[in-house]
Protein backbone atom coordinates (compact mmCIF):
# COMPACT_ATOMS: atom_id res chain seq x y z
CA UNK A 1 -26.29 3.07 18.63
CA UNK A 2 -29.59 2.86 16.78
CA UNK A 3 -30.55 0.28 14.16
CA UNK A 4 -30.24 2.93 11.45
CA UNK A 5 -26.89 3.36 9.76
CA UNK A 6 -25.33 6.63 10.92
CA UNK A 7 -24.29 9.22 8.40
CA UNK A 8 -21.39 11.61 8.37
CA UNK A 9 -21.15 15.14 7.08
CA UNK A 10 -19.92 15.71 3.54
CA UNK A 11 -16.71 17.37 4.76
CA UNK A 12 -15.93 14.31 6.93
CA UNK A 13 -16.12 11.82 4.08
CA UNK A 14 -12.67 12.72 2.80
CA UNK A 15 -11.14 11.75 6.14
CA UNK A 16 -12.90 8.39 6.16
CA UNK A 17 -11.84 7.92 2.52
CA UNK A 18 -8.24 8.56 3.57
CA UNK A 19 -8.49 6.05 6.42
CA UNK A 20 -9.66 3.41 3.94
CA UNK A 21 -6.83 4.38 1.55
CA UNK A 22 -4.38 3.85 4.40
CA UNK A 23 -5.97 0.44 5.07
CA UNK A 24 -5.43 -0.39 1.39
CA UNK A 25 -1.78 0.72 1.71
CA UNK A 26 -1.37 -1.55 4.72
CA UNK A 27 -2.75 -4.48 2.73
CA UNK A 28 -0.42 -3.70 -0.18
CA UNK A 29 2.49 -3.70 2.28
CA UNK A 30 1.56 -7.20 3.46
CA UNK A 31 -0.31 -6.10 6.55
CA UNK A 32 -3.88 -6.40 7.74
CA UNK A 33 -6.02 -3.58 6.28
CA UNK A 34 -6.45 -0.92 8.94
CA UNK A 35 -5.86 2.81 8.59
CA UNK A 36 -6.64 5.89 10.65
CA UNK A 37 -6.49 9.69 10.43
CA UNK A 38 -6.35 12.17 13.33
CA UNK A 39 -8.10 15.45 12.51
CA UNK A 40 -8.08 18.65 14.54
CA UNK A 41 -11.14 20.71 15.41
CA UNK A 42 -10.39 22.97 12.43
CA UNK A 43 -10.62 20.01 10.00
CA UNK A 44 -6.87 19.86 9.42
CA UNK A 45 -5.21 16.44 9.27
CA UNK A 46 -2.77 16.24 12.18
CA UNK A 47 -1.40 12.71 11.71
CA UNK A 48 -2.18 9.46 9.96
CA UNK A 49 -1.15 5.85 10.42
CA UNK A 50 -1.68 2.41 8.97
CA UNK A 51 -1.39 -1.04 10.45
CA UNK A 52 2.20 -2.26 10.84
CA UNK A 53 1.85 -5.54 12.71
CA UNK A 54 3.68 -7.43 9.95
CA UNK A 55 6.84 -6.30 11.75
CA UNK A 56 6.04 -8.98 14.34
CA UNK A 57 4.92 -6.42 16.93
CA UNK A 58 1.19 -7.01 17.38
CA UNK A 59 0.45 -3.67 19.06
CA UNK A 60 1.39 -1.53 16.04
CA UNK A 61 -2.23 -0.62 15.29
CA UNK A 62 -2.87 2.78 13.67
CA UNK A 63 -5.30 3.94 16.37
CA UNK A 64 -2.73 3.19 19.07
CA UNK A 65 -0.04 5.04 17.09
CA UNK A 66 -2.28 8.11 16.74
CA UNK A 67 -3.08 8.10 20.47
CA UNK A 68 0.63 8.07 21.29
CA UNK A 69 1.37 10.74 18.69
CA UNK A 70 -1.39 12.96 20.10
CA UNK A 71 -0.18 12.52 23.68
CA UNK A 72 3.34 13.51 22.61
CA UNK A 73 2.41 16.42 20.30
CA UNK A 74 -0.89 18.00 21.34
CA UNK A 75 -2.07 19.86 24.40
CA UNK A 76 -4.95 18.18 26.30
CA UNK A 77 -7.50 20.72 25.03
CA UNK A 78 -6.54 20.03 21.38
CA UNK A 79 -6.71 16.27 21.94
CA UNK A 80 -10.19 16.54 23.44
CA UNK A 81 -11.63 18.17 20.31
CA UNK A 82 -9.77 16.01 17.77
CA UNK A 83 -11.49 13.25 15.80
CA UNK A 84 -10.08 9.88 14.78
CA UNK A 85 -11.43 8.58 11.47
CA UNK A 86 -10.67 4.90 11.08
CA UNK A 87 -11.37 2.00 8.76
CA UNK A 88 -12.29 -0.29 11.65
CA UNK A 89 -13.66 0.18 15.14
CA UNK A 90 -10.90 0.39 17.74
CA UNK A 91 -9.94 -2.86 19.45
CA UNK A 92 -9.97 -2.76 23.28
CA UNK A 93 -6.24 -1.88 23.41
CA UNK A 94 -6.69 1.03 21.02
CA UNK A 95 -9.89 2.23 22.68
CA UNK A 96 -8.09 2.32 26.02
CA UNK A 97 -5.15 4.24 24.51
CA UNK A 98 -7.63 6.68 22.94
CA UNK A 99 -9.26 7.25 26.32
CA UNK A 100 -6.00 7.59 28.25
CA UNK A 101 -4.71 10.09 25.67
CA UNK A 102 -7.88 12.15 26.12
CA UNK A 103 -8.83 12.13 22.45
CA UNK A 104 -12.29 13.17 21.30
CA UNK A 105 -14.69 11.74 18.76
CA UNK A 106 -14.27 8.47 16.83
CA UNK A 107 -15.77 7.79 13.40
CA UNK A 108 -15.31 4.25 12.09
CA UNK A 109 -16.25 2.61 8.80
CA UNK A 110 -16.75 -0.96 10.05
CA UNK A 111 -17.47 -2.36 13.49
CA UNK A 112 -15.70 -4.92 15.67
CA UNK A 113 -18.83 -7.09 15.45
CA UNK A 114 -18.65 -6.99 11.65
CA UNK A 115 -14.94 -7.86 11.70
CA UNK A 116 -15.58 -10.80 14.03
CA UNK A 117 -18.27 -12.09 11.66
CA UNK A 118 -16.06 -11.59 8.59
CA UNK A 119 -13.08 -13.38 10.11
CA UNK A 120 -15.30 -16.35 11.00
CA UNK A 121 -16.62 -16.34 7.42
CA UNK A 122 -13.04 -16.42 6.09
CA UNK A 123 -12.03 -19.23 8.49
CA UNK A 124 -9.60 -17.02 10.43
CA UNK A 125 -8.95 -17.79 14.09
CA UNK A 126 -10.50 -15.26 16.47
CA UNK A 127 -8.39 -12.47 17.91
CA UNK A 128 -6.49 -13.23 21.14
CA UNK A 129 -8.55 -10.58 22.99
CA UNK A 130 -12.31 -10.09 23.21
CA UNK A 131 -13.49 -7.83 20.40
CA UNK A 132 -15.40 -5.42 22.59
CA UNK A 133 -17.18 -2.38 21.27
CA UNK A 134 -15.53 0.96 21.91
CA UNK A 135 -18.49 1.78 24.16
CA UNK A 136 -17.66 -1.24 26.34
CA UNK A 137 -14.21 0.25 26.96
CA UNK A 138 -15.09 3.98 26.81
CA UNK A 139 -18.76 4.22 27.83
CA UNK A 140 -18.99 8.00 27.40
CA UNK A 141 -17.09 8.20 24.10
CA UNK A 142 -18.56 10.18 21.21
CA UNK A 143 -18.62 7.42 18.58
CA UNK A 144 -20.25 7.05 15.18
CA UNK A 145 -20.14 3.92 13.02
CA UNK A 146 -20.35 1.68 11.18
CA UNK A 147 -20.99 3.81 8.11
CA UNK A 148 -23.04 2.12 5.40
CA UNK A 149 -21.17 1.68 2.14
CA UNK A 150 -17.79 2.33 3.72
CA UNK A 151 -18.15 -0.85 5.77
CA UNK A 152 -18.55 -2.93 2.60
CA UNK A 153 -15.37 -1.43 1.16
CA UNK A 154 -13.52 -2.47 4.31
CA UNK A 155 -15.09 -5.95 4.04
CA UNK A 156 -13.61 -6.25 0.51
CA UNK A 157 -10.14 -5.37 1.86
CA UNK A 158 -10.40 -8.00 4.60
CA UNK A 159 -11.64 -10.59 2.11
CA UNK A 160 -8.58 -9.88 -0.08
CA UNK A 161 -6.33 -10.08 2.97
CA UNK A 162 -7.64 -13.39 4.24
CA UNK A 163 -8.74 -15.26 1.11
CA UNK A 164 -6.34 -13.99 -1.53
């Protein structure tokens, strides 16, 4: 990724907006603010998910849920051309699920590096796994992010989550 902030097409912004709305819904439900949307090649929303780890099951991340949904409901060719729009860069578990499911492009609002920095700023203990970049887990993935402006909105959600 270059030092310049990537941009997304105008028609993609609504999907990233929805992912952030789902992150907000997760926060309102007492969860950490993460949300994701799976979009087909035709631009149609196929599925959406929000974080649900407040159930006590730490793997209930939205990106993981969408990977499983896609594997159960889409043919391999449809998965390969689908895009996941997400409020935060996939963790290593979710990146691996994305790769094993054969999903296509990923567009994320905020990066794992940003989240790591924010959590340290808020005095939150680091995650139990290394916060690797998607590219460390899926070297050939078609990935774009973080997206300037959207990342600061996600920061505000995490600040509310961790500092009240």
